[in-house]
Amino acid sequence: MTRPIVRPAADMDARAIADLLNEVIAQGGTTAMTEPVDREAILGWMRADPRSIWHVAETEEGELLGFQWVDPHAEKGADCAQIATFARVGKTGLGIGSALFEATRNAARAAGYTWINAEIRADNAGGLIYYQSRGFEDYGRIEGRRLADGTVVDKVLKRFDL
């Protein structure tokens, strides 16, 4: 596979983003989200804050391979962005996340963020490795977080200083 094409996400991407996210949710074990989402939910998230930054990674043919977004962290202040990253099931390890983070990191700096917060399920080995390989450093842990479906998980807190 050639390097994915990364571009800012647009409203037209919302359905494909929802479909990809629903695949990840259905697989389980890597996201704190447990309920399917639809196009309208994604559009709501994309439009929720003017400082939200969304990118998609796709093939030359336009197949969505992954997406990533940051938005202001509600509790950590205006200089902190909260990040979420998703790759199509079965397509991890192909440079999708690296390409997405390069674009997100640059856009987050330009938007005035000074650091990025990641909250990763402690049982998500792939997610922990991904953020560690991008240069995120552990700074805390949330124990016993109850998900919408009743599952209880710990979360590892990681930060990336811009």
C-alpha atoms as a PDB file:
ATOM      1  CA  MET A   1       0.000   0.000   0.000  1.00  0.00           C
ATOM      2  CA  THR A   2       1.245   3.483  -0.819  1.00  0.00           C
ATOM      3  CA  ARG A   3       1.253   6.214   1.794  1.00  0.00           C
ATOM      4  CA  PRO A   4      -2.320   7.250   2.569  1.00  0.00           C
ATOM      5  CA  ILE A   5      -3.596  10.608   1.404  1.00  0.00           C
ATOM      6  CA  VAL A   6      -4.459  12.801   4.389  1.00  0.00           C
ATOM      7  CA  ARG A   7      -6.741  15.799   4.137  1.00  0.00           C
ATOM      8  CA  PRO A   8      -9.056  17.793   6.374  1.00  0.00           C
ATOM      9  CA  ALA A   9     -12.376  16.025   6.879  1.00  0.00           C
ATOM     10  CA  ALA A  10     -15.497  17.582   5.418  1.00  0.00           C
ATOM     11  CA  ASP A  11     -19.221  17.099   5.930  1.00  0.00           C
ATOM     12  CA  MET A  12     -19.253  14.700   2.960  1.00  0.00           C
ATOM     13  CA  ASP A  13     -17.009  12.331   4.968  1.00  0.00           C
ATOM     14  CA  ALA A  14     -19.383  11.978   7.924  1.00  0.00           C
ATOM     15  CA  ARG A  15     -21.182   8.844   6.715  1.00  0.00           C
ATOM     16  CA  ALA A  16     -17.934   7.009   5.891  1.00  0.00           C
ATOM     17  CA  ILE A  17     -16.447   8.074   9.238  1.00  0.00           C
ATOM     18  CA  ALA A  18     -19.526   6.750  11.066  1.00  0.00           C
ATOM     19  CA  ASP A  19     -19.349   3.446   9.162  1.00  0.00           C
ATOM     20  CA  LEU A  20     -15.641   2.989   9.989  1.00  0.00           C
ATOM     21  CA  LEU A  21     -16.190   3.910  13.632  1.00  0.00           C
ATOM     22  CA  ASN A  22     -19.093   1.473  13.877  1.00  0.00           C
ATOM     23  CA  GLU A  23     -16.807  -1.320  12.614  1.00  0.00           C
ATOM     24  CA  VAL A  24     -14.325  -0.494  15.394  1.00  0.00           C
ATOM     25  CA  ILE A  25     -17.089  -0.299  18.018  1.00  0.00           C
ATOM     26  CA  ALA A  26     -18.534  -3.653  16.866  1.00  0.00           C
ATOM     27  CA  GLN A  27     -15.121  -5.307  17.093  1.00  0.00           C
ATOM     28  CA  GLY A  28     -14.816  -4.066  20.692  1.00  0.00           C
ATOM     29  CA  GLY A  29     -11.861  -3.744  23.002  1.00  0.00           C
ATOM     30  CA  THR A  30     -10.174  -0.652  21.586  1.00  0.00           C
ATOM     31  CA  THR A  31     -12.530   2.249  22.147  1.00  0.00           C
ATOM     32  CA  ALA A  32     -14.538   3.469  25.098  1.00  0.00           C
ATOM     33  CA  MET A  33     -17.480   3.931  22.735  1.00  0.00           C
ATOM     34  CA  THR A  34     -19.957   1.072  22.898  1.00  0.00           C
ATOM     35  CA  GLU A  35     -22.966   2.311  20.922  1.00  0.00           C
ATOM     36  CA  PRO A  36     -23.126   2.758  17.138  1.00  0.00           C
ATOM     37  CA  VAL A  37     -23.072   6.285  15.735  1.00  0.00           C
ATOM     38  CA  ASP A  38     -24.642   7.756  12.629  1.00  0.00           C
ATOM     39  CA  ARG A  39     -23.769  10.499  10.171  1.00  0.00           C
ATOM     40  CA  GLU A  40     -25.641  13.125  12.181  1.00  0.00           C
ATOM     41  CA  ALA A  41     -23.709  12.298  15.356  1.00  0.00           C
ATOM     42  CA  ILE A  42     -20.410  12.659  13.505  1.00  0.00           C
ATOM     43  CA  LEU A  43     -21.511  15.972  12.005  1.00  0.00           C
ATOM     44  CA  GLY A  44     -22.456  17.146  15.485  1.00  0.00           C
ATOM     45  CA  TRP A  45     -19.013  16.257  16.819  1.00  0.00           C
ATOM     46  CA  MET A  46     -17.295  17.893  13.847  1.00  0.00           C
ATOM     47  CA  ARG A  47     -19.238  21.112  14.393  1.00  0.00           C
ATOM     48  CA  ALA A  48     -19.266  21.136  18.207  1.00  0.00           C
ATOM     49  CA  ASP A  49     -16.342  23.528  18.588  1.00  0.00           C
ATOM     50  CA  PRO A  50     -14.664  25.890  16.137  1.00  0.00           C
ATOM     51  CA  ARG A  51     -11.259  24.638  17.335  1.00  0.00           C
ATOM     52  CA  SER A  52     -12.038  21.020  16.416  1.00  0.00           C
ATOM     53  CA  ILE A  53      -9.621  19.640  13.847  1.00  0.00           C
ATOM     54  CA  TRP A  54     -10.558  16.550  11.839  1.00  0.00           C
ATOM     55  CA  HIS A  55      -8.449  14.667   9.282  1.00  0.00           C
ATOM     56  CA  VAL A  56      -9.149  11.613   7.168  1.00  0.00           C
ATOM     57  CA  ALA A  57      -6.694   9.196   5.556  1.00  0.00           C
ATOM     58  CA  GLU A  58      -7.744   7.533   2.336  1.00  0.00           C
ATOM     59  CA  THR A  59      -6.474   5.602  -0.646  1.00  0.00           C
ATOM     60  CA  GLU A  60      -5.998   7.230  -4.043  1.00  0.00           C
ATOM     61  CA  GLU A  61      -9.397   5.760  -4.924  1.00  0.00           C
ATOM     62  CA  GLY A  62     -11.028   7.539  -1.988  1.00  0.00           C
ATOM     63  CA  GLU A  63     -11.502   4.555   0.355  1.00  0.00           C
ATOM     64  CA  LEU A  64     -11.473   5.769   3.956  1.00  0.00           C
ATOM     65  CA  LEU A  65      -8.647   4.103   5.887  1.00  0.00           C
ATOM     66  CA  GLY A  66      -8.815   6.085   9.103  1.00  0.00           C
ATOM     67  CA  PHE A  67      -9.534   9.379  10.773  1.00  0.00           C
ATOM     68  CA  GLN A  68      -8.303  11.452  13.668  1.00  0.00           C
ATOM     69  CA  TRP A  69      -9.554  14.493  15.478  1.00  0.00           C
ATOM     70  CA  VAL A  70      -8.645  16.839  18.270  1.00  0.00           C
ATOM     71  CA  ASP A  71     -10.861  19.264  20.072  1.00  0.00           C
ATOM     72  CA  PRO A  72     -10.503  21.334  23.230  1.00  0.00           C
ATOM     73  CA  HIS A  73     -10.390  19.251  26.392  1.00  0.00           C
ATOM     74  CA  ALA A  74     -13.342  20.304  28.539  1.00  0.00           C
ATOM     75  CA  GLU A  75     -11.450  20.049  31.842  1.00  0.00           C
ATOM     76  CA  LYS A  76      -7.782  20.687  31.075  1.00  0.00           C
ATOM     77  CA  GLY A  77      -7.978  24.203  29.639  1.00  0.00           C
ATOM     78  CA  ALA A  78      -7.974  25.882  26.246  1.00  0.00           C
ATOM     79  CA  ASP A  79      -4.370  24.979  25.482  1.00  0.00           C
ATOM     80  CA  CYS A  80      -5.066  21.216  25.705  1.00  0.00           C
ATOM     81  CA  ALA A  81      -6.466  19.225  22.801  1.00  0.00           C
ATOM     82  CA  GLN A  82      -8.096  15.834  23.337  1.00  0.00           C
ATOM     83  CA  ILE A  83      -7.244  13.343  20.566  1.00  0.00           C
ATOM     84  CA  ALA A  84      -9.044  10.345  19.084  1.00  0.00           C
ATOM     85  CA  THR A  85      -7.656   8.096  16.344  1.00  0.00           C
ATOM     86  CA  PHE A  86      -9.317   5.284  14.403  1.00  0.00           C
ATOM     87  CA  ALA A  87      -8.092   3.022  11.604  1.00  0.00           C
ATOM     88  CA  ARG A  88     -10.198   0.629   9.580  1.00  0.00           C
ATOM     89  CA  VAL A  89     -10.372  -2.840  11.143  1.00  0.00           C
ATOM     90  CA  GLY A  90      -7.618  -4.979   9.609  1.00  0.00           C
ATOM     91  CA  LYS A  91      -5.676  -1.964   8.303  1.00  0.00           C
ATOM     92  CA  THR A  92      -3.598  -1.023  11.345  1.00  0.00           C
ATOM     93  CA  GLY A  93       0.185  -0.933  11.069  1.00  0.00           C
ATOM     94  CA  LEU A  94       0.160   0.477   7.527  1.00  0.00           C
ATOM     95  CA  GLY A  95       1.226   4.054   8.284  1.00  0.00           C
ATOM     96  CA  ILE A  96      -2.314   5.425   8.517  1.00  0.00           C
ATOM     97  CA  GLY A  97      -1.910   6.698  12.064  1.00  0.00           C
ATOM     98  CA  SER A  98       1.531   8.159  11.362  1.00  0.00           C
ATOM     99  CA  ALA A  99       0.243  10.118   8.386  1.00  0.00           C
ATOM    100  CA  LEU A 100      -2.783  11.342  10.330  1.00  0.00           C
ATOM    101  CA  PHE A 101      -0.745  12.452  13.325  1.00  0.00           C
ATOM    102  CA  GLU A 102       1.683  14.422  11.197  1.00  0.00           C
ATOM    103  CA  ALA A 103      -1.219  16.514   9.878  1.00  0.00           C
ATOM    104  CA  THR A 104      -2.973  16.750  13.252  1.00  0.00           C
ATOM    105  CA  ARG A 105       0.173  17.782  15.134  1.00  0.00           C
ATOM    106  CA  ASN A 106       0.873  20.619  12.699  1.00  0.00           C
ATOM    107  CA  ALA A 107      -2.748  21.797  12.670  1.00  0.00           C
ATOM    108  CA  ALA A 108      -2.978  21.660  16.486  1.00  0.00           C
ATOM    109  CA  ARG A 109       0.119  23.851  16.814  1.00  0.00           C
ATOM    110  CA  ALA A 110      -1.304  26.313  14.297  1.00  0.00           C
ATOM    111  CA  ALA A 111      -4.589  26.397  16.256  1.00  0.00           C
ATOM    112  CA  GLY A 112      -2.763  27.444  19.424  1.00  0.00           C
ATOM    113  CA  TYR A 113      -2.822  24.216  21.399  1.00  0.00           C
ATOM    114  CA  THR A 114       0.305  23.579  23.492  1.00  0.00           C
ATOM    115  CA  TRP A 115      -0.274  19.915  24.277  1.00  0.00           C
ATOM    116  CA  ILE A 116      -2.406  16.946  23.276  1.00  0.00           C
ATOM    117  CA  ASN A 117      -4.083  14.596  25.759  1.00  0.00           C
ATOM    118  CA  ALA A 118      -4.818  10.970  24.922  1.00  0.00           C
ATOM    119  CA  GLU A 119      -6.920   8.646  27.088  1.00  0.00           C
ATOM    120  CA  ILE A 120      -6.365   5.042  25.999  1.00  0.00           C
ATOM    121  CA  ARG A 121      -8.047   1.957  27.376  1.00  0.00           C
ATOM    122  CA  ALA A 122      -5.419   0.109  29.404  1.00  0.00           C
ATOM    123  CA  ASP A 123      -6.370  -3.131  27.606  1.00  0.00           C
ATOM    124  CA  ASN A 124      -5.835  -1.553  24.147  1.00  0.00           C
ATOM    125  CA  ALA A 125      -2.242  -2.669  23.488  1.00  0.00           C
ATOM    126  CA  GLY A 126      -2.295  -1.369  19.910  1.00  0.00           C
ATOM    127  CA  GLY A 127      -3.486   2.069  20.977  1.00  0.00           C
ATOM    128  CA  LEU A 128      -0.909   2.302  23.752  1.00  0.00           C
ATOM    129  CA  ILE A 129       1.866   1.370  21.320  1.00  0.00           C
ATOM    130  CA  TYR A 130       0.581   3.819  18.703  1.00  0.00           C
ATOM    131  CA  TYR A 131       0.598   6.843  20.997  1.00  0.00           C
ATOM    132  CA  GLN A 132       3.918   5.837  22.588  1.00  0.00           C
ATOM    133  CA  SER A 133       5.498   5.590  19.124  1.00  0.00           C
ATOM    134  CA  ARG A 134       4.282   9.118  18.303  1.00  0.00           C
ATOM    135  CA  GLY A 135       6.117  10.468  21.366  1.00  0.00           C
ATOM    136  CA  PHE A 136       3.263  10.621  23.871  1.00  0.00           C
ATOM    137  CA  GLU A 137       4.365  10.142  27.474  1.00  0.00           C
ATOM    138  CA  ASP A 138       2.408   8.581  30.338  1.00  0.00           C
ATOM    139  CA  TYR A 139       1.312  11.046  33.003  1.00  0.00           C
ATOM    140  CA  GLY A 140      -1.575   9.383  34.797  1.00  0.00           C
ATOM    141  CA  ARG A 141      -4.266   6.766  34.942  1.00  0.00           C
ATOM    142  CA  ILE A 142      -8.025   6.659  35.401  1.00  0.00           C
ATOM    143  CA  GLU A 143      -9.096   3.526  37.239  1.00  0.00           C
ATOM    144  CA  GLY A 144     -12.471   1.884  37.042  1.00  0.00           C
ATOM    145  CA  ARG A 145     -14.104   3.939  34.277  1.00  0.00           C
ATOM    146  CA  ARG A 146     -17.567   2.532  33.574  1.00  0.00           C
ATOM    147  CA  LEU A 147     -18.476   2.490  29.870  1.00  0.00           C
ATOM    148  CA  ALA A 148     -22.027   2.943  28.566  1.00  0.00           C
ATOM    149  CA  ASP A 149     -22.492  -0.833  28.280  1.00  0.00           C
ATOM    150  CA  GLY A 150     -21.421  -1.402  31.900  1.00  0.00           C
ATOM    151  CA  THR A 151     -17.894  -2.594  31.119  1.00  0.00           C
ATOM    152  CA  VAL A 152     -15.331  -1.247  33.573  1.00  0.00           C
ATOM    153  CA  VAL A 153     -11.890  -0.376  32.217  1.00  0.00           C
ATOM    154  CA  ASP A 154      -8.829   1.542  33.285  1.00  0.00           C
ATOM    155  CA  LYS A 155      -7.481   4.298  31.052  1.00  0.00           C
ATOM    156  CA  VAL A 156      -3.884   5.355  30.573  1.00  0.00           C
ATOM    157  CA  LEU A 157      -3.348   9.101  30.237  1.00  0.00           C
ATOM    158  CA  LYS A 158      -0.672  10.215  27.785  1.00  0.00           C
ATOM    159  CA  ARG A 159       0.448  13.653  26.704  1.00  0.00           C
ATOM    160  CA  PHE A 160       2.294  15.093  23.742  1.00  0.00           C
ATOM    161  CA  ASP A 161       3.817  18.546  24.152  1.00  0.00           C
ATOM    162  CA  LEU A 162       3.594  20.667  21.037  1.00  0.00           C
END
